[in-house]
Amino acid sequence: MSVLIFATNNNNKIHEIRSILNDNMQIIGLREAGIFTDIPEPHPTLEENAREKSTFIFKLTNSDCFSEDTGLEVAALNGEPGVKSARYAGDENDNQKNIEKLLQKMTLVNDRTAQFRTVISLIVNGEEIQFEGLCKGTITEIQRGDKGFGYDSIFIPDGSDKTFAEMEMADKNIFSHRKKATSKLIDFLNKNHG
């Protein structure tokens, strides 16, 4: 079984990625890999932040690894919160405050279309490859559901009438941006390193 270090301390993301992967790949998070460093995300794009994290871990461990950066991009807010999604309401990374700020900004907005976008940066044998996953949908006016994390309680993916926070993981994975990007990652690994 091949082991890949996932450059995150976010247990929700680790759980979600593991729910997608097949059995011949083992994902370990940073803490499991014995890494307790916060990796900076200083860049203005998801692509650059994903690369920053995977490159940092590769230089530290010399091991195959991947990272991801995800943003919620709201059309009426010119793509906000985007790359700042996790810290939209401040540096403390507070999901509830982020949601409240976003809903407040959209109080009088009719166009509620949005998309989640995930960029995965994989480094295998010292080479980086990126994969993108998109999920289009709409922003609700109130929070619904208690599953998931981040903005899941205010995002309804196209093709559903439920927010991500109202879905079980298997249902979320039908639509999920992270699932789409991870599937591309898995296909690449199976073809090239299976």
Protein backbone atom coordinates (compact mmCIF):
# COMPACT_ATOMS: atom_id res chain seq x y z
CA MET A 1 0.00 0.00 0.00
CA SER A 2 1.41 3.37 -0.95
CA VAL A 3 1.41 6.15 1.64
CA LEU A 4 0.75 9.77 0.74
CA ILE A 5 1.14 12.64 3.17
CA PHE A 6 -1.82 15.02 2.97
CA ALA A 7 -0.53 18.48 3.89
CA THR A 8 -3.34 19.45 6.24
CA ASN A 9 -4.30 19.44 9.91
CA ASN A 10 -8.01 19.68 9.01
CA ASN A 11 -9.54 16.39 10.15
CA ASN A 12 -12.73 17.10 8.17
CA LYS A 13 -10.73 17.25 4.95
CA ILE A 14 -8.75 14.11 5.82
CA HIS A 15 -11.99 12.22 6.54
CA GLU A 16 -13.54 13.44 3.28
CA ILE A 17 -10.53 12.45 1.16
CA ARG A 18 -10.32 9.03 2.84
CA SER A 19 -14.00 8.44 2.05
CA ILE A 20 -13.16 8.83 -1.65
CA LEU A 21 -9.93 6.83 -1.89
CA ASN A 22 -9.57 3.16 -2.69
CA ASP A 23 -7.88 0.70 -0.35
CA ASN A 24 -4.46 0.58 -2.01
CA MET A 25 -3.60 4.09 -0.88
CA GLN A 26 -3.05 5.25 2.68
CA ILE A 27 -3.50 8.93 3.48
CA ILE A 28 -1.86 10.37 6.57
CA GLY A 29 -2.32 13.92 7.78
CA LEU A 30 0.47 16.15 9.04
CA ARG A 31 0.06 15.17 12.70
CA GLU A 32 0.20 11.46 11.80
CA ALA A 33 3.38 12.19 9.85
CA GLY A 34 4.85 13.85 12.95
CA ILE A 35 4.69 17.35 11.45
CA PHE A 36 3.32 20.06 13.72
CA THR A 37 4.10 23.13 11.64
CA ASP A 38 1.50 25.55 10.34
CA ILE A 39 2.18 26.02 6.66
CA PRO A 40 1.67 29.58 5.40
CA GLU A 41 -0.87 30.34 2.67
CA PRO A 42 0.35 33.78 1.59
CA HIS A 43 -0.61 33.73 -2.08
CA PRO A 44 -3.53 35.33 -3.97
CA THR A 45 -4.55 32.12 -5.80
CA LEU A 46 -5.63 28.62 -4.78
CA GLU A 47 -3.07 27.16 -7.19
CA GLU A 48 -0.14 28.96 -5.56
CA ASN A 49 -1.26 28.17 -2.01
CA ALA A 50 -1.69 24.48 -2.85
CA ARG A 51 1.80 24.44 -4.38
CA GLU A 52 3.24 26.25 -1.34
CA LYS A 53 1.92 23.58 1.02
CA SER A 54 2.94 20.51 -1.01
CA THR A 55 6.40 21.94 -1.77
CA PHE A 56 6.93 22.77 1.91
CA ILE A 57 6.11 19.19 2.98
CA PHE A 58 8.14 17.62 0.18
CA LYS A 59 11.21 19.65 1.14
CA LEU A 60 10.71 18.70 4.78
CA THR A 61 10.11 14.96 4.27
CA ASN A 62 11.33 14.09 0.76
CA SER A 63 8.15 11.96 0.58
CA ASP A 64 5.33 11.84 -1.94
CA CYS A 65 2.62 14.20 -0.74
CA PHE A 66 -0.28 16.36 -1.78
CA SER A 67 -2.12 19.39 -0.55
CA GLU A 68 -5.27 21.17 -1.52
CA ASP A 69 -6.68 24.63 -1.31
CA THR A 70 -10.39 25.24 -1.65
CA GLY A 71 -12.36 28.43 -2.03
CA LEU A 72 -16.01 29.38 -2.25
CA GLU A 73 -16.42 31.83 -5.12
CA VAL A 74 -19.63 33.89 -5.11
CA ALA A 75 -20.47 35.51 -8.46
CA ALA A 76 -22.20 38.61 -7.04
CA LEU A 77 -19.23 39.30 -4.74
CA ASN A 78 -16.66 39.19 -7.56
CA GLY A 79 -15.44 35.77 -6.48
CA GLU A 80 -15.26 36.44 -2.74
CA PRO A 81 -14.42 34.89 -0.37
CA GLY A 82 -12.28 32.81 -2.76
CA VAL A 83 -8.74 32.24 -1.58
CA LYS A 84 -9.65 33.90 1.74
CA SER A 85 -12.54 31.49 2.44
CA ALA A 86 -11.14 30.03 5.67
CA ARG A 87 -10.28 33.43 7.13
CA TYR A 88 -12.98 35.57 5.57
CA ALA A 89 -14.09 37.08 8.87
CA GLY A 90 -10.62 37.19 10.46
CA ASP A 91 -7.50 35.19 11.15
CA GLU A 92 -9.07 32.87 13.72
CA ASN A 93 -10.60 30.64 10.99
CA ASP A 94 -14.11 30.71 12.52
CA ASN A 95 -16.63 28.92 10.27
CA GLN A 96 -19.67 30.53 11.88
CA LYS A 97 -18.30 34.07 11.64
CA ASN A 98 -17.31 33.46 8.00
CA ILE A 99 -20.85 32.32 7.18
CA GLU A 100 -22.43 35.26 8.99
CA LYS A 101 -20.22 37.73 7.14
CA LEU A 102 -21.05 36.15 3.77
CA LEU A 103 -24.82 36.05 4.41
CA GLN A 104 -24.76 39.65 5.63
CA LYS A 105 -22.97 40.78 2.45
CA MET A 106 -25.61 38.99 0.38
CA THR A 107 -28.65 40.40 2.20
CA LEU A 108 -29.99 42.34 -0.80
CA VAL A 109 -28.38 40.22 -3.52
CA ASN A 110 -30.60 38.42 -6.03
CA ASP A 111 -27.89 36.52 -7.91
CA ARG A 112 -26.92 33.82 -5.41
CA THR A 113 -24.88 31.64 -7.79
CA ALA A 114 -21.56 30.41 -6.48
CA GLN A 115 -19.06 27.63 -6.90
CA PHE A 116 -16.67 25.70 -4.75
CA ARG A 117 -13.27 25.23 -6.36
CA THR A 118 -10.59 22.83 -5.15
CA VAL A 119 -7.02 22.71 -6.42
CA ILE A 120 -4.88 19.72 -5.45
CA SER A 121 -1.11 19.91 -5.76
CA LEU A 122 0.50 16.46 -5.89
CA ILE A 123 4.25 15.93 -5.68
CA VAL A 124 5.43 12.46 -6.71
CA ASN A 125 9.10 11.72 -7.26
CA GLY A 126 9.81 15.43 -6.91
CA GLU A 127 7.43 16.53 -9.71
CA GLU A 128 4.29 18.60 -9.14
CA ILE A 129 0.97 18.00 -10.91
CA GLN A 130 -2.23 19.95 -10.19
CA PHE A 131 -5.85 18.83 -10.40
CA GLU A 132 -8.98 21.00 -10.18
CA GLY A 133 -12.51 20.19 -9.09
CA LEU A 134 -15.54 22.50 -9.44
CA CYS A 135 -19.00 22.34 -7.93
CA LYS A 136 -21.51 24.98 -9.03
CA GLY A 137 -24.50 25.87 -6.89
CA THR A 138 -26.29 28.60 -4.98
CA ILE A 139 -26.04 30.29 -1.59
CA THR A 140 -29.04 29.90 0.72
CA GLU A 141 -30.51 32.75 2.73
CA ILE A 142 -30.30 30.83 6.01
CA GLN A 143 -28.14 28.00 7.32
CA ARG A 144 -29.50 24.49 6.88
CA GLY A 145 -28.12 21.21 8.24
CA ASP A 146 -25.51 20.26 10.81
CA LYS A 147 -23.17 17.97 8.88
CA GLY A 148 -20.06 18.98 7.00
CA PHE A 149 -17.88 21.99 7.72
CA GLY A 150 -16.94 25.38 6.35
CA TYR A 151 -19.71 26.88 4.22
CA ASP A 152 -21.57 23.56 3.75
CA SER A 153 -24.69 24.78 5.59
CA ILE A 154 -25.34 27.61 3.09
CA PHE A 155 -24.37 25.93 -0.21
CA ILE A 156 -26.78 23.92 -2.37
CA PRO A 157 -25.05 22.18 -5.29
CA ASP A 158 -26.77 22.32 -8.68
CA GLY A 159 -28.94 19.22 -9.10
CA SER A 160 -29.91 18.99 -5.43
CA ASP A 161 -32.36 20.72 -3.09
CA LYS A 162 -30.20 20.04 -0.02
CA THR A 163 -27.23 21.94 1.34
CA PHE A 164 -23.99 20.00 1.74
CA ALA A 165 -24.61 20.13 5.52
CA GLU A 166 -27.91 18.25 5.04
CA MET A 167 -26.19 15.39 3.17
CA GLU A 168 -24.48 12.22 4.28
CA MET A 169 -20.88 11.96 3.03
CA ALA A 170 -21.80 9.52 0.23
CA ASP A 171 -24.40 11.98 -1.11
CA LYS A 172 -22.04 14.95 -0.80
CA ASN A 173 -19.43 13.02 -2.79
CA ILE A 174 -21.82 12.81 -5.74
CA PHE A 175 -21.45 16.58 -6.20
CA SER A 176 -18.31 17.52 -4.32
CA HIS A 177 -15.56 19.70 -5.78
CA ARG A 178 -13.06 17.89 -3.55
CA LYS A 179 -14.32 14.53 -4.83
CA LYS A 180 -13.86 15.66 -8.45
CA ALA A 181 -10.31 16.86 -7.85
CA THR A 182 -9.47 13.75 -5.81
CA SER A 183 -10.84 11.46 -8.53
CA LYS A 184 -8.45 13.09 -11.01
CA LEU A 185 -5.62 12.57 -8.52
CA ILE A 186 -6.53 8.88 -8.10
CA ASP A 187 -6.80 8.32 -11.86
CA PHE A 188 -3.36 9.85 -12.32
CA LEU A 189 -1.80 7.73 -9.57
CA ASN A 190 -3.44 4.53 -10.84
CA LYS A 191 -2.23 5.13 -14.39
CA ASN A 192 1.27 6.28 -13.51
CA HIS A 193 2.08 4.73 -10.16
CA GLY A 194 -0.39 1.91 -9.76
